[in-house]
């Protein structure tokens, strides 16, 4: 690895390596442009693609892909074990971003984590979109204020993003409204194909700039519309799984927090005598297995909302109460 590459990696691009900084006789500028058009903008993203996916790129043969993977593996070793101690050291790079509520943050062990996918599901008016707007602001706060000190990419699939709401929340935190709005990239998706294409675009932008969060509100709504019949369920789940896999890769590749909202449906088998709330999130096992942390939001008294740790690899099942006001997500008053 060249000294120039090391310098750029540490000072600007942190733990990922842009393809543009790697060039040899087997991996030329033309190949780089083809990889970028397919959504591979870093060395890590090349490693995260299968041989079959790379061969599908126009102009790439089996032998060409083999040579590229060989060159890439020299600076980014693949298929190798590391010690748990090394894994713990890498976890030190994880950033926890405040939700705006100290009670909510405490439930999460500090806040929304980078390098992971956090799913928030619940009925309408449970605070999902309000939480997304609040996170779009708190992510930009400096680290000493429990922020991520980075930009936000926001994919709106339901037409609920409101820039004026962002301005209100920015005022609460005492930050410049114009600067906050400028640091949020917003895209409106109308089909599940557009939603996936936006993920490829956002990955390219993250390779060029300093992002800390990707928000999708909501992740399943377009899939429910585009695949409505039972006969299309298998195809829907397959495409949903591909998209969730892409989100996992983005979170780990760029050290960003991926936050997705999800809808709920009545559970026909959940109406038993001892089941208090027979509802389940859309997406089935595909969403369940791809989400690192799952949060269930429900209504409380007045403007109060209750969040429950539904599933997490390291957090215990517990609940916290928060509230919504003009400044976004806040602590609930007793």
Protein backbone atom coordinates (compact mmCIF):
# COMPACT_ATOMS: atom_id res chain seq x y z
CA UNK A 1 0.00 0.00 0.00
CA UNK A 2 1.45 3.39 -0.98
CA UNK A 3 2.19 6.15 1.55
CA UNK A 4 -0.29 8.37 -0.29
CA UNK A 5 -3.02 5.75 0.10
CA UNK A 6 -2.30 5.39 3.81
CA UNK A 7 -2.45 9.14 4.25
CA UNK A 8 -5.78 9.48 2.46
CA UNK A 9 -7.20 6.50 4.29
CA UNK A 10 -6.41 7.89 7.72
CA UNK A 11 -7.19 11.54 7.18
CA UNK A 12 -10.23 11.51 4.98
CA UNK A 13 -11.65 8.11 4.27
CA UNK A 14 -11.05 6.51 7.67
CA UNK A 15 -11.36 2.73 7.50
CA UNK A 16 -12.34 2.27 3.85
CA UNK A 17 -10.23 2.58 0.71
CA UNK A 18 -11.52 4.21 -2.45
CA UNK A 19 -10.96 2.29 -5.68
CA UNK A 20 -9.53 5.40 -7.31
CA UNK A 21 -6.43 5.12 -5.11
CA UNK A 22 -5.61 1.62 -6.29
CA UNK A 23 -4.30 1.13 -9.80
CA UNK A 24 -2.09 -1.51 -11.40
CA UNK A 25 -1.83 -3.38 -14.66
CA UNK A 26 -4.60 -5.79 -13.67
CA UNK A 27 -6.87 -3.12 -12.21
CA UNK A 28 -6.97 -0.07 -14.48
CA UNK A 29 -9.10 3.07 -14.66
CA UNK A 30 -11.54 1.44 -17.07
CA UNK A 31 -12.14 -1.40 -14.64
CA UNK A 32 -12.61 1.07 -11.79
CA UNK A 33 -15.29 2.94 -13.73
CA UNK A 34 -17.11 -0.30 -14.51
CA UNK A 35 -17.00 -1.35 -10.86
CA UNK A 36 -18.28 2.04 -9.73
CA UNK A 37 -21.18 1.87 -12.17
CA UNK A 38 -22.11 -1.44 -10.54
CA UNK A 39 -22.03 0.07 -7.06
CA UNK A 40 -18.48 -0.88 -6.05
CA UNK A 41 -16.77 2.31 -4.88
CA UNK A 42 -14.26 0.93 -2.39
CA UNK A 43 -11.93 -2.03 -2.05
CA UNK A 44 -14.20 -3.35 0.71
CA UNK A 45 -17.26 -3.26 -1.54
CA UNK A 46 -15.47 -5.37 -4.15
CA UNK A 47 -14.69 -7.95 -1.48
CA UNK A 48 -18.35 -7.93 -0.39
CA UNK A 49 -19.55 -8.93 -3.87
CA UNK A 50 -19.71 -12.52 -5.06
CA UNK A 51 -17.71 -13.78 -8.02
CA UNK A 52 -20.99 -14.23 -9.90
CA UNK A 53 -22.05 -10.63 -9.28
CA UNK A 54 -18.72 -9.27 -10.51
CA UNK A 55 -18.81 -11.46 -13.61
CA UNK A 56 -22.21 -9.95 -14.44
CA UNK A 57 -20.52 -6.57 -14.98
CA UNK A 58 -20.21 -5.88 -18.68
CA UNK A 59 -16.71 -6.62 -19.96
CA UNK A 60 -15.69 -8.71 -16.94
CA UNK A 61 -14.73 -12.32 -17.63
CA UNK A 62 -14.04 -15.06 -15.07
CA UNK A 63 -10.30 -14.59 -15.48
CA UNK A 64 -10.62 -10.81 -15.20
CA UNK A 65 -12.57 -11.09 -11.95
CA UNK A 66 -10.03 -13.59 -10.58
CA UNK A 67 -7.19 -11.15 -11.26
CA UNK A 68 -9.08 -8.26 -9.68
CA UNK A 69 -9.89 -10.29 -6.57
CA UNK A 70 -6.27 -11.39 -6.31
CA UNK A 71 -5.08 -7.77 -6.48
CA UNK A 72 -7.70 -6.62 -3.97
CA UNK A 73 -6.91 -9.40 -1.49
CA UNK A 74 -3.32 -8.14 -1.20
CA UNK A 75 -4.49 -4.97 0.57
CA UNK A 76 -7.73 -6.29 2.08
CA UNK A 77 -7.36 -9.94 3.15
CA UNK A 78 -10.55 -11.98 2.85
CA UNK A 79 -11.84 -15.20 4.38
CA UNK A 80 -9.50 -14.95 7.35
CA UNK A 81 -10.04 -15.32 11.08
CA UNK A 82 -9.17 -12.67 13.64
CA UNK A 83 -8.99 -12.92 17.42
CA UNK A 84 -11.92 -11.81 19.56
CA UNK A 85 -9.54 -9.22 21.02
CA UNK A 86 -9.07 -7.70 17.57
CA UNK A 87 -12.82 -7.77 17.07
CA UNK A 88 -13.26 -5.88 20.34
CA UNK A 89 -10.71 -3.29 19.21
CA UNK A 90 -12.63 -2.78 15.97
CA UNK A 91 -15.81 -2.25 17.97
CA UNK A 92 -14.12 0.83 19.40
CA UNK A 93 -14.83 2.49 16.03
CA UNK A 94 -18.58 2.20 16.63
CA UNK A 95 -20.25 5.57 17.28
CA UNK A 96 -23.43 5.91 19.32
CA UNK A 97 -25.76 8.71 18.24
CA UNK A 98 -28.28 10.26 20.61
CA UNK A 99 -32.00 9.91 19.96
CA UNK A 100 -32.71 13.19 21.72
CA UNK A 101 -34.01 11.39 24.82
CA UNK A 102 -31.65 10.33 27.62
CA UNK A 103 -34.06 7.57 28.68
CA UNK A 104 -34.17 6.23 25.13
CA UNK A 105 -30.37 6.45 24.86
CA UNK A 106 -29.94 4.57 28.13
CA UNK A 107 -32.17 1.78 26.83
CA UNK A 108 -29.90 1.48 23.77
CA UNK A 109 -26.70 1.52 25.78
CA UNK A 110 -25.80 5.01 24.62
CA UNK A 111 -27.69 5.61 21.38
CA UNK A 112 -28.16 4.39 17.81
CA UNK A 113 -25.05 2.46 16.76
CA UNK A 114 -23.07 2.81 13.56
CA UNK A 115 -22.02 -0.35 11.71
CA UNK A 116 -25.46 -1.82 12.33
CA UNK A 117 -29.04 -1.80 11.06
CA UNK A 118 -31.65 -0.53 13.52
CA UNK A 119 -35.28 -1.28 12.71
CA UNK A 120 -38.12 0.69 14.29
CA UNK A 121 -41.60 -0.72 13.80
CA UNK A 122 -45.03 0.15 15.11
CA UNK A 123 -48.46 1.47 14.17
CA UNK A 124 -49.02 4.95 12.75
CA UNK A 125 -48.46 7.88 15.14
CA UNK A 126 -46.05 5.96 17.34
CA UNK A 127 -43.16 8.33 16.62
CA UNK A 128 -41.21 6.53 13.89
CA UNK A 129 -41.01 9.43 11.45
CA UNK A 130 -40.48 11.96 14.26
CA UNK A 131 -37.55 9.88 15.48
CA UNK A 132 -36.11 9.82 11.95
CA UNK A 133 -36.31 13.62 11.74
CA UNK A 134 -34.66 13.99 15.14
CA UNK A 135 -31.84 11.60 14.22
CA UNK A 136 -31.26 13.52 10.99
CA UNK A 137 -30.29 16.46 13.20
CA UNK A 138 -28.52 14.75 16.12
CA UNK A 139 -26.29 12.80 13.72
CA UNK A 140 -24.72 16.11 12.72
CA UNK A 141 -23.91 17.15 16.29
CA UNK A 142 -20.28 16.95 17.47
CA UNK A 143 -19.18 13.88 19.37
CA UNK A 144 -19.10 15.65 22.75
CA UNK A 145 -22.85 16.26 22.32
CA UNK A 146 -23.39 12.56 21.52
CA UNK A 147 -23.67 13.21 17.80
CA UNK A 148 -22.05 11.54 14.82
CA UNK A 149 -20.40 14.65 13.36
CA UNK A 150 -21.46 13.60 9.87
CA UNK A 151 -23.99 13.99 7.08
CA UNK A 152 -27.27 12.11 6.66
CA UNK A 153 -28.83 10.36 3.67
CA UNK A 154 -32.62 10.09 3.90
CA UNK A 155 -34.79 7.96 1.59
CA UNK A 156 -38.47 8.88 1.88
CA UNK A 157 -40.87 6.27 0.50
CA UNK A 158 -44.11 7.67 1.95
CA UNK A 159 -43.79 11.42 1.34
CA UNK A 160 -43.50 12.27 5.04
CA UNK A 161 -40.17 14.12 5.13
CA UNK A 162 -40.64 17.74 6.17
CA UNK A 163 -37.66 20.14 6.00
CA UNK A 164 -39.51 22.64 8.20
CA UNK A 165 -39.61 19.96 10.90
CA UNK A 166 -35.84 19.63 10.63
CA UNK A 167 -35.54 23.39 11.13
CA UNK A 168 -37.61 23.19 14.33
CA UNK A 169 -35.46 20.41 15.75
CA UNK A 170 -32.25 22.21 14.75
CA UNK A 171 -33.44 25.26 16.69
CA UNK A 172 -33.85 23.11 19.80
CA UNK A 173 -30.22 21.97 19.60
CA UNK A 174 -28.95 25.46 18.85
CA UNK A 175 -27.45 24.63 15.47
CA UNK A 176 -27.70 26.57 12.21
CA UNK A 177 -30.84 25.50 10.37
CA UNK A 178 -29.45 26.11 6.88
CA UNK A 179 -26.28 24.13 7.59
CA UNK A 180 -28.29 21.24 9.01
CA UNK A 181 -30.59 21.13 5.98
CA UNK A 182 -27.60 21.32 3.61
CA UNK A 183 -26.09 18.26 5.30
CA UNK A 184 -29.15 16.09 4.67
CA UNK A 185 -29.46 14.43 1.27
CA UNK A 186 -33.11 13.58 0.70
CA UNK A 187 -34.50 11.34 -2.04
CA UNK A 188 -38.10 10.37 -2.77
CA UNK A 189 -38.64 6.79 -3.97
CA UNK A 190 -41.85 5.68 -5.66
CA UNK A 191 -41.01 2.05 -6.51
CA UNK A 192 -38.90 -0.66 -4.90
CA UNK A 193 -36.56 -0.50 -7.91
CA UNK A 194 -35.94 3.20 -7.30
CA UNK A 195 -35.35 2.44 -3.63
CA UNK A 196 -32.62 -0.06 -4.47
CA UNK A 197 -31.04 2.20 -7.10
CA UNK A 198 -30.81 4.95 -4.49
CA UNK A 199 -28.74 2.63 -2.30
CA UNK A 200 -26.19 2.31 -5.09
CA UNK A 201 -26.12 6.10 -5.47
CA UNK A 202 -25.80 6.74 -1.75
CA UNK A 203 -22.87 4.31 -1.50
CA UNK A 204 -21.06 6.33 -4.17
CA UNK A 205 -21.71 9.53 -2.23
CA UNK A 206 -20.55 7.98 1.04
CA UNK A 207 -17.26 7.06 -0.62
CA UNK A 208 -16.75 10.76 -1.42
CA UNK A 209 -18.04 12.49 1.71
CA UNK A 210 -18.39 12.09 5.47
CA UNK A 211 -21.73 10.43 6.28
CA UNK A 212 -22.83 8.90 9.57
CA UNK A 213 -26.41 7.80 8.96
CA UNK A 214 -28.74 6.39 6.31
CA UNK A 215 -32.47 6.58 7.04
CA UNK A 216 -35.21 4.78 5.09
CA UNK A 217 -38.78 5.69 6.07
CA UNK A 218 -40.29 3.20 5.45
CA UNK A 219 -38.33 0.21 4.22
CA UNK A 220 -41.25 -2.09 3.30
CA UNK A 221 -44.07 0.16 2.08
CA UNK A 222 -43.10 0.09 -1.61
CA UNK A 223 -42.58 -3.67 -1.55
CA UNK A 224 -46.11 -4.11 -0.20
CA UNK A 225 -47.48 -2.03 -3.07
CA UNK A 226 -45.36 -3.49 -5.87
CA UNK A 227 -45.89 -7.11 -4.76
CA UNK A 228 -49.49 -7.36 -3.62
CA UNK A 229 -50.58 -10.93 -4.31
CA UNK A 230 -49.68 -14.17 -2.56
CA UNK A 231 -48.21 -15.43 -5.81
CA UNK A 232 -45.63 -12.63 -5.66
CA UNK A 233 -44.66 -13.17 -2.03
CA UNK A 234 -41.59 -15.27 -2.83
CA UNK A 235 -40.24 -12.70 -5.30
CA UNK A 236 -40.96 -9.88 -2.85
CA UNK A 237 -39.04 -11.56 -0.05
CA UNK A 238 -36.13 -12.34 -2.36
CA UNK A 239 -35.81 -8.71 -3.47
CA UNK A 240 -36.34 -7.47 0.08
CA UNK A 241 -33.55 -9.77 1.24
CA UNK A 242 -31.21 -8.42 -1.42
CA UNK A 243 -31.93 -4.87 -0.32
CA UNK A 244 -31.40 -5.67 3.37
CA UNK A 245 -28.10 -7.34 2.52
CA UNK A 246 -27.04 -4.14 0.74
CA UNK A 247 -27.93 -2.12 3.85
CA UNK A 248 -25.78 -4.36 6.05
CA UNK A 249 -22.83 -3.91 3.70
CA UNK A 250 -23.25 -0.12 3.61
CA UNK A 251 -23.35 0.09 7.41
CA UNK A 252 -20.13 -1.90 7.80
CA UNK A 253 -18.30 -0.49 4.79
CA UNK A 254 -18.72 3.18 5.73
CA UNK A 255 -19.24 2.94 9.51
CA UNK A 256 -22.70 4.50 9.29
CA UNK A 257 -25.86 3.86 11.26
CA UNK A 258 -28.63 2.48 9.07
CA UNK A 259 -32.06 3.27 10.50
CA UNK A 260 -35.17 1.81 8.89
CA UNK A 261 -38.82 2.13 9.84
CA UNK A 262 -41.29 -0.66 9.29
CA UNK A 263 -45.04 -1.11 9.40
CA UNK A 264 -46.97 -3.72 11.36
CA UNK A 265 -49.81 -6.07 10.56
CA UNK A 266 -52.26 -8.03 12.66
CA UNK A 267 -51.05 -11.50 13.54
CA UNK A 268 -53.86 -14.02 12.89
CA UNK A 269 -52.18 -16.45 15.25
CA UNK A 270 -51.47 -13.83 17.88
CA UNK A 271 -54.96 -13.33 19.20
CA UNK A 272 -54.59 -15.92 21.92
CA UNK A 273 -55.80 -15.24 25.43
CA UNK A 274 -52.38 -14.33 26.84
CA UNK A 275 -51.15 -12.22 23.91
CA UNK A 276 -51.60 -8.55 24.81
CA UNK A 277 -50.59 -6.99 21.48
CA UNK A 278 -51.11 -9.39 18.54
CA UNK A 279 -49.18 -7.41 15.90
CA UNK A 280 -46.04 -8.26 14.02
CA UNK A 281 -43.69 -6.31 11.73
CA UNK A 282 -43.87 -6.63 7.95
CA UNK A 283 -41.13 -8.53 6.13
CA UNK A 284 -41.04 -11.74 8.11
CA UNK A 285 -37.75 -13.51 8.73
CA UNK A 286 -35.97 -11.53 6.00
CA UNK A 287 -36.19 -8.28 7.96
CA UNK A 288 -35.82 -10.03 11.32
CA UNK A 289 -32.50 -11.69 10.51
CA UNK A 290 -31.02 -8.67 8.71
CA UNK A 291 -31.78 -6.12 11.44
CA UNK A 292 -29.17 -5.86 14.18
CA UNK A 293 -31.47 -4.18 16.70
CA UNK A 294 -35.27 -4.18 16.49
CA UNK A 295 -37.30 -1.57 18.35
CA UNK A 296 -41.05 -1.80 18.89
CA UNK A 297 -42.78 1.56 19.31
CA UNK A 298 -46.29 1.98 20.68
CA UNK A 299 -48.50 4.77 21.99
CA UNK A 300 -48.59 5.85 25.62
CA UNK A 301 -50.53 8.62 27.33
CA UNK A 302 -50.93 11.84 25.33
CA UNK A 303 -47.70 12.59 23.51
CA UNK A 304 -45.83 9.86 25.34
CA UNK A 305 -44.52 6.85 23.46
CA UNK A 306 -43.08 3.55 24.66
CA UNK A 307 -40.13 1.83 22.99
CA UNK A 308 -39.23 -1.79 23.64
CA UNK A 309 -36.10 -3.72 22.74
CA UNK A 310 -37.70 -6.39 20.57
CA UNK A 311 -34.45 -8.07 19.53
CA UNK A 312 -30.75 -7.29 19.98
CA UNK A 313 -27.46 -9.22 20.07
CA UNK A 314 -26.27 -7.40 23.20
CA UNK A 315 -29.16 -5.50 24.82
CA UNK A 316 -31.64 -7.02 27.29
CA UNK A 317 -35.38 -6.92 26.65
CA UNK A 318 -36.54 -3.70 28.30
CA UNK A 319 -38.70 -0.63 27.77
CA UNK A 320 -38.35 3.14 28.00
CA UNK A 321 -40.74 6.05 27.68
CA UNK A 322 -40.15 9.14 25.55
CA UNK A 323 -42.21 12.03 24.27
CA UNK A 324 -42.60 14.13 21.13
CA UNK A 325 -42.70 17.92 21.03
CA UNK A 326 -41.76 20.72 18.65
CA UNK A 327 -38.08 20.02 19.32
CA UNK A 328 -38.37 16.37 18.31
CA UNK A 329 -37.82 13.37 20.58
CA UNK A 330 -37.46 14.32 24.26
CA UNK A 331 -37.61 12.69 27.68
CA UNK A 332 -41.09 11.90 28.95
CA UNK A 333 -42.24 13.92 31.94
CA UNK A 334 -43.40 12.05 35.02
